Amino acid sequence: MSNVSLKKIVKKYEDIQVIHGVDLDIQPGEFCVFVGPSGCGKSTLLRMIAGLEETSGGAIEIAGQDVTEADPSERGVAMVFQTYALYPHMTVRENMGFGLKMNKVPKQEITDKVDKAAKILQLGPYMERKPKALSGGQRQRVAIGRAIVRGPQVFLFDEPLSNLDAELRVEMRVELAHLHKELGATMIYVTHDQVEAMTMADKIVVLRAGHIEQVGSPLELYNNPHSKFVAGFIGSPGMNFLKGEMANNQVTIPALGNFCLPITITSTISDGSVWVGIRPQQITLQDQGPQLEVDIIEHLGGVSYMHLHTKTGEKLVVELRGTDTATECSMVALGISADNVMLFDPQTEQRIL
């Protein structure tokens, strides 16, 4: 197990800067997930750690050693890509051991390492098959096995599940979590899917336009987001945001018929416009309250999501569980508690309550 330390990392492509002075410490044995929208720099940052992208500024340390200028083969990392990158003419066994063979590792040692990895990944029955005879999930496990046999200090995963169907994605998430637990290795995982991040990570790094927005455990980011961006990105469905006006120790929400919530004012909050954030799980159906028309209801079995719109055109999602019921095109009254709302500055988008 090795730590990874990024110190003021910068990446430029000629005059275009895409990574802006990133500082980050990943502890030995952590499962760290880089998450964010497309183009935020998460894959670029991962490739810089791997040595596949040159670093324009700053330093990268792995296990206490500066590897900023080191070749990829000298960094003690193994990378699993979005595409499986398997040799079609080789068997599973040959694909998994090929890197060791090229490094002239003794045959018996290769066999032992490949067999151990195959046991961990439950690939035993498929060792003599070629990639075309494998499912997508099996191919991805072979690619992971190829990384395991190298015995790296750090595993790097670049959206490895994005080519799999929904059922396989869930299955592979569980398998990767088990793998991390069994190996105890440091793992860095890139995804745009915040559900993957929430279910797998010890630590989540939320990236936006080449900057780190916030770092923390899944529950820390969910319960205590520092910005409107993080609050909206972490959680499924995302947080609802409505425009509000703060005055006289209460916030008024015009989109909900000037519905008012009493707010405990602190010295850092002044009167004026705010964004009011509330998660779909924290809105209830009541006999009385602001009324909205139901547009669509998504039924997912044990939970349903009700989509509504306000008179001002803003959209709202409400989670329904248990005995809560509603029908499309009907009017429903919503219950919102001041204890459950978050307030964000409309200019900086930073959280103020």
Protein backbone atom coordinates (compact mmCIF):
# COMPACT_ATOMS: atom_id res chain seq x y z
CA MET A 1 0.00 0.00 0.00
CA SER A 2 1.35 3.40 -1.00
CA ASN A 3 0.22 6.97 -0.69
CA VAL A 4 -0.16 9.33 -3.65
CA SER A 5 0.49 13.03 -3.26
CA LEU A 6 -0.26 15.73 -5.83
CA LYS A 7 1.35 19.09 -5.19
CA LYS A 8 0.07 22.07 -7.16
CA ILE A 9 -0.34 19.99 -10.32
CA VAL A 10 -0.78 21.97 -13.53
CA LYS A 11 -1.53 20.75 -17.04
CA LYS A 12 -1.39 22.96 -20.13
CA TYR A 13 -1.89 22.26 -23.80
CA GLU A 14 0.01 25.17 -25.34
CA ASP A 15 -1.92 28.24 -24.10
CA ILE A 16 -4.88 26.27 -22.71
CA GLN A 17 -4.68 25.28 -19.05
CA VAL A 18 -6.92 22.36 -18.09
CA ILE A 19 -5.65 21.47 -14.58
CA HIS A 20 -5.20 24.38 -12.19
CA GLY A 21 -2.83 23.81 -9.28
CA VAL A 22 -4.41 20.66 -7.81
CA ASP A 23 -3.32 19.67 -4.28
CA LEU A 24 -4.39 16.25 -3.05
CA ASP A 25 -3.21 13.53 -0.65
CA ILE A 26 -4.45 9.95 -1.05
CA GLN A 27 -3.64 7.72 1.88
CA PRO A 28 -2.26 4.15 1.60
CA GLY A 29 -5.08 1.65 0.99
CA GLU A 30 -7.71 4.29 0.17
CA PHE A 31 -10.26 3.86 -2.60
CA CYS A 32 -10.31 7.38 -4.02
CA VAL A 33 -12.77 8.35 -6.75
CA PHE A 34 -12.37 11.33 -9.08
CA VAL A 35 -15.84 12.42 -10.14
CA GLY A 36 -17.22 15.26 -12.19
CA PRO A 37 -18.88 16.14 -15.50
CA SER A 38 -17.27 15.49 -18.87
CA GLY A 39 -14.32 17.80 -19.49
CA CYS A 40 -13.61 18.53 -15.82
CA GLY A 41 -10.08 17.05 -16.01
CA LYS A 42 -10.51 13.82 -14.05
CA SER A 43 -9.09 11.47 -16.74
CA THR A 44 -6.29 13.92 -17.51
CA LEU A 45 -5.33 13.97 -13.84
CA LEU A 46 -5.35 10.17 -13.71
CA ARG A 47 -3.19 9.91 -16.83
CA MET A 48 -0.72 12.37 -15.29
CA ILE A 49 -0.41 10.11 -12.24
CA ALA A 50 0.16 7.15 -14.58
CA GLY A 51 2.78 9.07 -16.55
CA LEU A 52 0.78 8.94 -19.78
CA GLU A 53 0.47 12.74 -19.78
CA GLU A 54 3.34 15.10 -19.07
CA THR A 55 3.01 17.37 -16.05
CA SER A 56 3.26 21.07 -16.89
CA GLY A 57 3.86 22.11 -13.30
CA GLY A 58 3.89 20.81 -9.74
CA ALA A 59 4.99 17.43 -8.42
CA ILE A 60 3.61 13.89 -8.17
CA GLU A 61 4.79 11.58 -5.38
CA ILE A 62 4.03 7.87 -5.04
CA ALA A 63 5.16 6.07 -1.89
CA GLY A 64 7.15 9.15 -0.93
CA GLN A 65 9.14 9.19 -4.18
CA ASP A 66 8.96 12.04 -6.71
CA VAL A 67 7.82 10.41 -9.96
CA THR A 68 6.91 13.59 -11.86
CA GLU A 69 9.47 12.90 -14.60
CA ALA A 70 9.57 9.10 -14.26
CA ASP A 71 8.50 6.75 -17.07
CA PRO A 72 5.15 5.00 -16.58
CA SER A 73 6.91 1.65 -16.06
CA GLU A 74 8.92 3.10 -13.18
CA ARG A 75 6.00 4.48 -11.16
CA GLY A 76 4.68 1.26 -9.67
CA VAL A 77 1.18 1.77 -11.03
CA ALA A 78 -1.14 -0.36 -13.15
CA MET A 79 -3.96 1.14 -15.17
CA VAL A 80 -7.28 -0.36 -16.27
CA PHE A 81 -8.84 1.50 -19.17
CA GLN A 82 -12.39 2.07 -20.39
CA THR A 83 -11.66 -0.24 -23.33
CA TYR A 84 -10.48 -3.71 -22.38
CA ALA A 85 -7.41 -3.60 -24.68
CA LEU A 86 -7.05 -7.38 -24.74
CA TYR A 87 -5.07 -9.23 -27.40
CA PRO A 88 -7.72 -11.09 -29.44
CA HIS A 89 -5.38 -13.93 -30.49
CA MET A 90 -4.32 -14.72 -26.91
CA THR A 91 -6.14 -16.73 -24.25
CA VAL A 92 -7.17 -15.24 -20.93
CA ARG A 93 -4.10 -16.78 -19.31
CA GLU A 94 -1.79 -15.37 -21.98
CA ASN A 95 -3.38 -11.91 -21.80
CA MET A 96 -3.00 -11.76 -18.03
CA GLY A 97 0.63 -12.87 -18.05
CA PHE A 98 1.82 -11.05 -21.16
CA GLY A 99 3.28 -8.05 -19.34
CA LEU A 100 5.29 -10.28 -17.02
CA LYS A 101 6.48 -12.35 -19.97
CA MET A 102 7.75 -9.22 -21.74
CA ASN A 103 9.69 -8.35 -18.57
CA LYS A 104 11.27 -11.82 -18.65
CA VAL A 105 9.72 -12.96 -15.37
CA PRO A 106 10.30 -16.73 -14.83
CA LYS A 107 7.49 -18.93 -16.22
CA GLN A 108 6.59 -20.51 -12.88
CA GLU A 109 6.31 -17.10 -11.23
CA ILE A 110 4.04 -15.93 -14.04
CA THR A 111 1.86 -19.02 -13.62
CA ASP A 112 1.61 -18.54 -9.87
CA LYS A 113 0.67 -14.87 -10.14
CA VAL A 114 -1.85 -15.45 -12.93
CA ASP A 115 -3.49 -18.32 -11.04
CA LYS A 116 -3.74 -16.22 -7.87
CA ALA A 117 -5.34 -13.32 -9.75
CA ALA A 118 -7.70 -15.71 -11.56
CA LYS A 119 -8.83 -17.12 -8.22
CA ILE A 120 -9.51 -13.65 -6.82
CA LEU A 121 -11.54 -12.69 -9.91
CA GLN A 122 -13.21 -16.09 -10.35
CA LEU A 123 -11.81 -16.50 -13.85
CA GLY A 124 -10.73 -20.13 -13.44
CA PRO A 125 -13.21 -21.68 -15.94
CA TYR A 126 -12.28 -19.15 -18.65
CA MET A 127 -8.48 -19.28 -18.66
CA GLU A 128 -8.15 -21.01 -22.02
CA ARG A 129 -10.80 -18.94 -23.77
CA LYS A 130 -10.03 -16.03 -26.09
CA PRO A 131 -11.64 -12.59 -25.58
CA LYS A 132 -14.29 -13.11 -28.28
CA ALA A 133 -15.73 -15.98 -26.18
CA LEU A 134 -16.15 -13.77 -23.08
CA SER A 135 -18.89 -11.40 -21.95
CA GLY A 136 -18.16 -7.72 -21.36
CA GLY A 137 -17.91 -8.23 -17.61
CA GLN A 138 -15.55 -11.18 -18.03
CA ARG A 139 -13.32 -9.18 -20.37
CA GLN A 140 -13.14 -6.38 -17.86
CA ARG A 141 -12.19 -8.83 -15.13
CA VAL A 142 -9.36 -10.10 -17.38
CA ALA A 143 -8.13 -6.52 -17.81
CA ILE A 144 -8.22 -6.07 -14.03
CA GLY A 145 -6.42 -9.40 -13.58
CA ARG A 146 -3.68 -8.23 -15.92
CA ALA A 147 -3.19 -5.26 -13.60
CA ILE A 148 -3.20 -7.42 -10.46
CA VAL A 149 -0.41 -9.75 -11.66
CA ARG A 150 1.93 -6.79 -11.97
CA GLY A 151 1.72 -6.26 -8.21
CA PRO A 152 1.50 -2.45 -8.47
CA GLN A 153 1.70 0.00 -5.59
CA VAL A 154 -1.34 1.86 -6.96
CA PHE A 155 -4.24 0.76 -9.18
CA LEU A 156 -5.66 3.33 -11.59
CA PHE A 157 -9.12 2.85 -13.15
CA ASP A 158 -10.31 5.09 -16.00
CA GLU A 159 -14.12 4.63 -16.26
CA PRO A 160 -13.74 0.84 -16.49
CA LEU A 161 -17.47 0.09 -16.29
CA SER A 162 -18.83 2.57 -18.83
CA ASN A 163 -19.04 -0.01 -21.64
CA LEU A 164 -21.10 -2.46 -19.57
CA ASP A 165 -24.89 -2.70 -19.37
CA ALA A 166 -26.71 -1.56 -16.23
CA GLU A 167 -26.90 -4.98 -14.57
CA LEU A 168 -23.22 -5.73 -15.17
CA ARG A 169 -22.23 -2.29 -13.87
CA VAL A 170 -23.86 -3.06 -10.53
CA GLU A 171 -22.25 -6.50 -10.42
CA MET A 172 -18.79 -5.13 -11.24
CA ARG A 173 -19.13 -2.34 -8.65
CA VAL A 174 -19.59 -5.00 -6.00
CA GLU A 175 -16.70 -7.07 -7.38
CA LEU A 176 -14.35 -4.06 -7.36
CA ALA A 177 -15.34 -3.26 -3.76
CA HIS A 178 -14.55 -6.87 -2.78
CA LEU A 179 -11.28 -6.69 -4.71
CA HIS A 180 -10.23 -3.55 -2.86
CA LYS A 181 -11.07 -5.16 0.46
CA GLU A 182 -9.12 -8.32 -0.38
CA LEU A 183 -6.02 -6.63 -1.81
CA GLY A 184 -6.00 -3.64 0.55
CA ALA A 185 -4.38 -1.69 -2.27
CA THR A 186 -4.46 2.02 -3.00
CA MET A 187 -6.95 2.57 -5.82
CA ILE A 188 -7.80 5.70 -7.80
CA TYR A 189 -10.96 5.47 -9.87
CA VAL A 190 -12.35 7.90 -12.44
CA THR A 191 -16.05 8.10 -13.26
CA HIS A 192 -18.69 10.62 -14.28
CA ASP A 193 -21.30 8.47 -12.51
CA GLN A 194 -21.84 9.80 -9.00
CA VAL A 195 -23.68 6.61 -8.00
CA GLU A 196 -20.46 4.65 -8.62
CA ALA A 197 -18.58 7.23 -6.59
CA MET A 198 -21.02 7.11 -3.67
CA THR A 199 -21.16 3.32 -3.48
CA MET A 200 -17.46 2.51 -3.88
CA ALA A 201 -15.33 5.33 -2.50
CA ASP A 202 -13.58 5.92 0.80
CA LYS A 203 -12.80 9.40 -0.48
CA ILE A 204 -14.45 11.35 -3.30
CA VAL A 205 -12.72 14.18 -5.15
CA VAL A 206 -15.26 16.38 -6.97
CA LEU A 207 -13.65 18.14 -9.94
CA ARG A 208 -14.96 21.05 -11.95
CA ALA A 209 -13.14 22.75 -14.84
CA GLY A 210 -9.74 21.52 -13.64
CA HIS A 211 -10.24 22.61 -10.02
CA ILE A 212 -11.10 20.56 -6.94
CA GLU A 213 -14.51 21.65 -5.67
CA GLN A 214 -14.52 19.49 -2.54
CA VAL A 215 -12.90 16.37 -1.06
CA GLY A 216 -14.53 14.11 1.50
CA SER A 217 -16.26 10.83 2.25
CA PRO A 218 -19.48 10.08 0.34
CA LEU A 219 -21.69 10.99 3.31
CA GLU A 220 -19.68 14.15 4.05
CA LEU A 221 -20.26 15.43 0.53
CA TYR A 222 -23.93 14.44 0.60
CA ASN A 223 -24.72 15.95 4.00
CA ASN A 224 -22.36 18.92 3.97
CA PRO A 225 -21.71 20.17 0.43
CA HIS A 226 -19.68 23.37 0.30
CA SER A 227 -21.15 24.64 -2.97
CA LYS A 228 -24.25 24.50 -5.14
CA PHE A 229 -22.28 22.49 -7.71
CA VAL A 230 -21.37 19.72 -5.25
CA ALA A 231 -24.88 19.70 -3.75
CA GLY A 232 -26.39 19.23 -7.20
CA PHE A 233 -23.87 16.66 -8.39
CA ILE A 234 -23.80 14.35 -5.37
CA GLY A 235 -27.06 12.50 -4.83
CA SER A 236 -29.49 10.78 -7.17
CA PRO A 237 -31.72 12.44 -8.18
CA GLY A 238 -29.85 15.69 -7.68
CA MET A 239 -30.83 18.41 -5.25
CA ASN A 240 -33.70 20.77 -6.21
CA PHE A 241 -32.81 24.47 -6.44
CA LEU A 242 -35.34 27.29 -6.23
CA LYS A 243 -34.78 31.03 -6.15
CA GLY A 244 -35.53 32.64 -2.83
CA GLU A 245 -35.43 35.97 -1.02
CA MET A 246 -34.00 36.29 2.49
CA ALA A 247 -35.54 38.95 4.75
CA ASN A 248 -36.77 39.29 8.35
CA ASN A 249 -35.41 35.97 9.51
CA GLN A 250 -37.18 33.99 6.81
CA VAL A 251 -36.70 32.93 3.22
CA THR A 252 -39.53 33.43 0.73
CA ILE A 253 -39.77 31.15 -2.32
CA PRO A 254 -41.75 32.88 -5.13
CA ALA A 255 -41.97 29.70 -7.24
CA LEU A 256 -44.00 28.08 -4.44
CA GLY A 257 -46.53 30.89 -4.15
CA ASN A 258 -44.31 33.00 -1.88
CA PHE A 259 -44.05 30.12 0.57
CA CYS A 260 -42.07 31.25 3.65
CA LEU A 261 -39.65 29.31 5.82
CA PRO A 262 -38.28 30.65 9.13
CA ILE A 263 -34.49 30.55 9.07
CA THR A 264 -32.05 30.91 11.94
CA ILE A 265 -29.91 33.82 10.77
CA THR A 266 -26.17 33.90 11.43
CA SER A 267 -23.77 36.79 11.03
CA THR A 268 -22.61 35.44 7.66
CA ILE A 269 -26.04 35.65 6.01
CA SER A 270 -27.45 38.97 4.86
CA ASP A 271 -30.82 39.82 3.36
CA GLY A 272 -31.19 39.41 -0.38
CA SER A 273 -31.43 36.76 -3.07
CA VAL A 274 -30.40 33.17 -2.34
CA TRP A 275 -30.61 29.74 -3.91
CA VAL A 276 -32.73 27.39 -1.81
CA GLY A 277 -31.66 23.75 -2.08
CA ILE A 278 -33.68 20.76 -0.89
CA ARG A 279 -33.26 17.11 -1.73
CA PRO A 280 -36.13 15.08 -3.26
CA GLN A 281 -36.05 12.73 -0.24
CA GLN A 282 -36.76 15.62 2.13
CA ILE A 283 -39.97 16.88 0.52
CA THR A 284 -43.17 15.26 1.80
CA LEU A 285 -46.79 15.20 0.70
CA GLN A 286 -49.13 17.03 3.11
CA ASP A 287 -52.77 18.03 3.35
CA GLN A 288 -51.74 21.68 3.33
CA GLY A 289 -48.82 23.51 1.78
CA PRO A 290 -47.70 24.97 -1.55
CA GLN A 291 -49.53 23.19 -4.38
CA LEU A 292 -48.03 22.10 -7.70
CA GLU A 293 -49.24 20.01 -10.63
CA VAL A 294 -47.68 16.59 -11.20
CA ASP A 295 -46.08 16.20 -14.65
CA ILE A 296 -44.66 12.67 -14.64
CA ILE A 297 -44.17 9.90 -12.08
CA GLU A 298 -41.32 7.43 -12.50
CA HIS A 299 -42.15 4.13 -10.80
CA LEU A 300 -39.03 2.16 -9.84
CA GLY A 301 -40.57 -0.45 -7.56
CA GLY A 302 -39.83 0.41 -3.94
CA VAL A 303 -39.46 4.10 -4.77
CA SER A 304 -41.06 6.52 -7.21
CA TYR A 305 -39.97 9.97 -8.40
CA MET A 306 -42.58 12.64 -8.96
CA HIS A 307 -41.67 15.44 -11.36
CA LEU A 308 -43.45 18.77 -10.96
CA HIS A 309 -43.12 22.29 -12.30
CA THR A 310 -43.79 25.65 -10.70
CA LYS A 311 -45.72 28.54 -12.19
CA THR A 312 -42.40 30.27 -12.86
CA GLY A 313 -41.14 27.29 -14.88
CA GLU A 314 -38.76 25.82 -12.31
CA LYS A 315 -38.68 22.02 -11.98
CA LEU A 316 -38.98 20.01 -8.80
CA VAL A 317 -38.46 16.30 -8.09
CA VAL A 318 -40.05 14.60 -5.07
CA GLU A 319 -39.26 11.07 -3.87
CA LEU A 320 -42.25 8.93 -2.93
CA ARG A 321 -41.94 5.92 -0.64
CA GLY A 322 -44.28 3.70 1.32
CA THR A 323 -47.90 4.83 1.25
CA ASP A 324 -47.26 8.17 -0.51
CA THR A 325 -49.29 8.23 -3.72
CA ALA A 326 -50.10 10.69 -6.48
CA THR A 327 -51.32 10.65 -10.06
CA GLU A 328 -50.13 12.52 -13.12
CA CYS A 329 -51.85 15.86 -13.83
CA SER A 330 -53.16 16.02 -10.24
CA MET A 331 -52.39 18.77 -7.74
CA VAL A 332 -50.36 17.91 -4.65
CA ALA A 333 -49.50 19.89 -1.51
CA LEU A 334 -45.86 19.80 -0.46
CA GLY A 335 -44.34 19.82 2.99
CA ILE A 336 -40.92 21.48 3.33
CA SER A 337 -39.09 21.90 6.62
CA ALA A 338 -36.61 24.68 7.26
CA ASP A 339 -34.37 22.10 8.94
CA ASN A 340 -33.86 20.35 5.59
CA VAL A 341 -33.05 23.26 3.29
CA MET A 342 -29.63 24.58 2.33
CA LEU A 343 -28.96 28.12 1.16
CA PHE A 344 -26.38 29.15 -1.44
CA ASP A 345 -25.02 32.53 -2.46
CA PRO A 346 -26.36 33.40 -5.95
CA GLN A 347 -23.07 34.98 -7.06
CA THR A 348 -20.37 32.68 -5.66
CA GLU A 349 -22.66 29.60 -5.40
CA GLN A 350 -20.97 28.82 -2.08
CA ARG A 351 -23.11 27.43 0.71
CA ILE A 352 -24.15 29.96 3.33
CA LEU A 353 -26.47 27.77 5.45
